[in-house]
Amino acid sequence: MQIITKNAGGEADDYYDVLEAGFAEGATDSDLMMMFQRELSAGTWEGDLNTDDYFSSSYCITLRLVETVYGGLEQVAFFGNRGTFSFSKRAAQVLGTGRQVVVDFQVPERNLWEF
């Protein structure tokens, strides 16, 4: 799946111990959007891919405010303003995105940095 996003951002909330980032194609609820949340204080996951902790010790991912999956974000790689998000098979099935989502971030540099 490939998309172009016009909105992106993120924030770290020390009080609620959460790191949140997201992007959207446009400004309305009907546009595709994806949000990521993770415990701010969580360390690097070093578990076994074949166990359930892989799915509960990672990100909460929400797509279009409808589909939500816990865990399954395996890798994020950026080259300039283009990001490639790689998901586990399970997460991709729940989200209906395919294993990779390639995002062209057409946003101000500050917004991309916050993301």
C-alpha atoms as a PDB file:
ATOM      1  CA  MET A   1       0.000   0.000   0.000  1.00  0.00           C
ATOM      2  CA  GLN A   2       1.285   3.476  -0.862  1.00  0.00           C
ATOM      3  CA  ILE A   3      -0.210   6.734   0.346  1.00  0.00           C
ATOM      4  CA  ILE A   4       0.560  10.438   0.333  1.00  0.00           C
ATOM      5  CA  THR A   5       0.020  12.190   3.634  1.00  0.00           C
ATOM      6  CA  LYS A   6      -0.646  15.888   4.111  1.00  0.00           C
ATOM      7  CA  ASN A   7      -0.781  15.819   7.930  1.00  0.00           C
ATOM      8  CA  ALA A   8       1.611  14.292  10.461  1.00  0.00           C
ATOM      9  CA  GLY A   9       2.772  14.884  13.993  1.00  0.00           C
ATOM     10  CA  GLY A  10       3.504  13.369  17.344  1.00  0.00           C
ATOM     11  CA  GLU A  11       4.066  14.048  21.004  1.00  0.00           C
ATOM     12  CA  ALA A  12       5.509  12.505  24.130  1.00  0.00           C
ATOM     13  CA  ASP A  13       3.316  12.860  27.212  1.00  0.00           C
ATOM     14  CA  ASP A  14       5.318  12.280  30.391  1.00  0.00           C
ATOM     15  CA  TYR A  15       2.248  12.559  32.650  1.00  0.00           C
ATOM     16  CA  TYR A  16       0.379   9.729  30.906  1.00  0.00           C
ATOM     17  CA  ASP A  17       3.614   7.920  29.956  1.00  0.00           C
ATOM     18  CA  VAL A  18       2.620   7.656  26.310  1.00  0.00           C
ATOM     19  CA  LEU A  19       4.319   8.341  23.001  1.00  0.00           C
ATOM     20  CA  GLU A  20       1.827   9.081  20.221  1.00  0.00           C
ATOM     21  CA  ALA A  21       2.403   9.737  16.530  1.00  0.00           C
ATOM     22  CA  GLY A  22       0.139   9.768  13.527  1.00  0.00           C
ATOM     23  CA  PHE A  23      -0.419  10.769   9.950  1.00  0.00           C
ATOM     24  CA  ALA A  24      -3.415  11.348   7.679  1.00  0.00           C
ATOM     25  CA  GLU A  25      -4.062  11.773   3.973  1.00  0.00           C
ATOM     26  CA  GLY A  26      -6.207  14.835   4.577  1.00  0.00           C
ATOM     27  CA  ALA A  27      -8.100  16.781   7.208  1.00  0.00           C
ATOM     28  CA  THR A  28     -11.410  14.868   7.352  1.00  0.00           C
ATOM     29  CA  ASP A  29     -12.463  11.698   9.167  1.00  0.00           C
ATOM     30  CA  SER A  30     -13.116  10.015   5.819  1.00  0.00           C
ATOM     31  CA  ASP A  31      -9.437  10.251   4.846  1.00  0.00           C
ATOM     32  CA  LEU A  32      -7.030   7.457   5.682  1.00  0.00           C
ATOM     33  CA  MET A  33      -5.241   8.035   8.977  1.00  0.00           C
ATOM     34  CA  MET A  34      -2.945   5.910  11.085  1.00  0.00           C
ATOM     35  CA  MET A  35      -2.080   6.462  14.747  1.00  0.00           C
ATOM     36  CA  PHE A  36       0.634   4.787  16.807  1.00  0.00           C
ATOM     37  CA  GLN A  37       0.790   4.712  20.622  1.00  0.00           C
ATOM     38  CA  ARG A  38       3.363   3.176  22.920  1.00  0.00           C
ATOM     39  CA  GLU A  39       4.335   3.394  26.559  1.00  0.00           C
ATOM     40  CA  LEU A  40       6.944   6.129  26.792  1.00  0.00           C
ATOM     41  CA  SER A  41       8.906   4.297  29.485  1.00  0.00           C
ATOM     42  CA  ALA A  42       8.853   0.909  27.698  1.00  0.00           C
ATOM     43  CA  GLY A  43      12.258  -0.437  26.865  1.00  0.00           C
ATOM     44  CA  THR A  44      13.371  -2.111  23.675  1.00  0.00           C
ATOM     45  CA  TRP A  45      11.424  -5.301  23.047  1.00  0.00           C
ATOM     46  CA  GLU A  46      13.718  -8.332  23.092  1.00  0.00           C
ATOM     47  CA  GLY A  47      11.214 -11.178  23.180  1.00  0.00           C
ATOM     48  CA  ASP A  48      10.326 -14.068  20.912  1.00  0.00           C
ATOM     49  CA  LEU A  49       8.407 -13.354  17.681  1.00  0.00           C
ATOM     50  CA  ASN A  50       6.451 -16.582  18.199  1.00  0.00           C
ATOM     51  CA  THR A  51       4.962 -15.600  21.561  1.00  0.00           C
ATOM     52  CA  ASP A  52       2.022 -13.415  22.526  1.00  0.00           C
ATOM     53  CA  ASP A  53       4.243 -10.852  24.259  1.00  0.00           C
ATOM     54  CA  TYR A  54       5.284  -9.703  20.786  1.00  0.00           C
ATOM     55  CA  PHE A  55       1.759  -8.409  20.295  1.00  0.00           C
ATOM     56  CA  SER A  56       1.277  -6.807  23.705  1.00  0.00           C
ATOM     57  CA  SER A  57       4.699  -5.238  24.236  1.00  0.00           C
ATOM     58  CA  SER A  58       4.638  -3.087  21.144  1.00  0.00           C
ATOM     59  CA  TYR A  59       2.616  -0.320  19.551  1.00  0.00           C
ATOM     60  CA  CYS A  60      -1.129   0.136  19.485  1.00  0.00           C
ATOM     61  CA  ILE A  61      -1.956   0.945  15.858  1.00  0.00           C
ATOM     62  CA  THR A  62      -5.274   2.438  14.765  1.00  0.00           C
ATOM     63  CA  LEU A  63      -6.371   2.806  11.161  1.00  0.00           C
ATOM     64  CA  ARG A  64      -9.299   5.116  10.261  1.00  0.00           C
ATOM     65  CA  LEU A  65     -10.478   5.001  13.900  1.00  0.00           C
ATOM     66  CA  VAL A  66     -12.009   1.609  13.072  1.00  0.00           C
ATOM     67  CA  GLU A  67      -9.338  -1.088  13.028  1.00  0.00           C
ATOM     68  CA  THR A  68      -7.015  -1.385  16.019  1.00  0.00           C
ATOM     69  CA  VAL A  69      -4.247  -3.874  16.628  1.00  0.00           C
ATOM     70  CA  TYR A  70      -1.779  -4.154  19.508  1.00  0.00           C
ATOM     71  CA  GLY A  71       1.720  -4.885  18.378  1.00  0.00           C
ATOM     72  CA  GLY A  72       2.886  -5.948  15.000  1.00  0.00           C
ATOM     73  CA  LEU A  73       4.857  -2.885  13.938  1.00  0.00           C
ATOM     74  CA  GLU A  74       8.101  -4.610  13.043  1.00  0.00           C
ATOM     75  CA  GLN A  75      10.134  -1.830  11.462  1.00  0.00           C
ATOM     76  CA  VAL A  76       9.996   1.783  10.325  1.00  0.00           C
ATOM     77  CA  ALA A  77      12.569   3.049   7.837  1.00  0.00           C
ATOM     78  CA  PHE A  78      12.871   6.589   6.480  1.00  0.00           C
ATOM     79  CA  PHE A  79      14.656   7.858   3.417  1.00  0.00           C
ATOM     80  CA  GLY A  80      14.078  11.593   3.203  1.00  0.00           C
ATOM     81  CA  ASN A  81      10.342  12.268   3.403  1.00  0.00           C
ATOM     82  CA  ARG A  82       9.367   8.690   2.543  1.00  0.00           C
ATOM     83  CA  GLY A  83       8.652   6.211   5.313  1.00  0.00           C
ATOM     84  CA  THR A  84       8.193   2.465   4.993  1.00  0.00           C
ATOM     85  CA  PHE A  85       6.202   0.814   7.784  1.00  0.00           C
ATOM     86  CA  SER A  86       6.554  -2.974   8.002  1.00  0.00           C
ATOM     87  CA  PHE A  87       3.893  -4.946   9.862  1.00  0.00           C
ATOM     88  CA  SER A  88       3.584  -8.520  11.050  1.00  0.00           C
ATOM     89  CA  LYS A  89       1.287 -10.762   9.045  1.00  0.00           C
ATOM     90  CA  ARG A  90      -1.304 -10.647  11.828  1.00  0.00           C
ATOM     91  CA  ALA A  91      -1.288  -6.843  12.103  1.00  0.00           C
ATOM     92  CA  ALA A  92      -1.498  -6.441   8.318  1.00  0.00           C
ATOM     93  CA  GLN A  93      -4.530  -8.746   8.225  1.00  0.00           C
ATOM     94  CA  VAL A  94      -6.346  -6.818  10.961  1.00  0.00           C
ATOM     95  CA  LEU A  95      -5.518  -3.432   9.432  1.00  0.00           C
ATOM     96  CA  GLY A  96      -6.104  -4.599   5.861  1.00  0.00           C
ATOM     97  CA  THR A  97      -2.963  -2.834   4.637  1.00  0.00           C
ATOM     98  CA  GLY A  98      -0.565  -5.505   3.448  1.00  0.00           C
ATOM     99  CA  ARG A  99       2.779  -6.152   5.144  1.00  0.00           C
ATOM    100  CA  GLN A 100       4.279  -2.805   4.051  1.00  0.00           C
ATOM    101  CA  VAL A 101       2.808   0.677   3.938  1.00  0.00           C
ATOM    102  CA  VAL A 102       4.919   3.244   2.078  1.00  0.00           C
ATOM    103  CA  VAL A 103       4.096   6.826   3.030  1.00  0.00           C
ATOM    104  CA  ASP A 104       5.161   9.938   1.143  1.00  0.00           C
ATOM    105  CA  PHE A 105       5.128  12.636   3.835  1.00  0.00           C
ATOM    106  CA  GLN A 106       4.243  15.900   2.062  1.00  0.00           C
ATOM    107  CA  VAL A 107       4.307  17.888   5.291  1.00  0.00           C
ATOM    108  CA  PRO A 108       6.437  20.695   6.731  1.00  0.00           C
ATOM    109  CA  GLU A 109       9.806  19.516   8.077  1.00  0.00           C
ATOM    110  CA  ARG A 110       8.755  20.338  11.655  1.00  0.00           C
ATOM    111  CA  ASN A 111       5.711  18.039  11.406  1.00  0.00           C
ATOM    112  CA  LEU A 112       7.832  15.220  10.044  1.00  0.00           C
ATOM    113  CA  TRP A 113      10.359  15.737  12.850  1.00  0.00           C
ATOM    114  CA  GLU A 114       7.541  15.590  15.451  1.00  0.00           C
ATOM    115  CA  PHE A 115       6.285  12.393  13.899  1.00  0.00           C
END
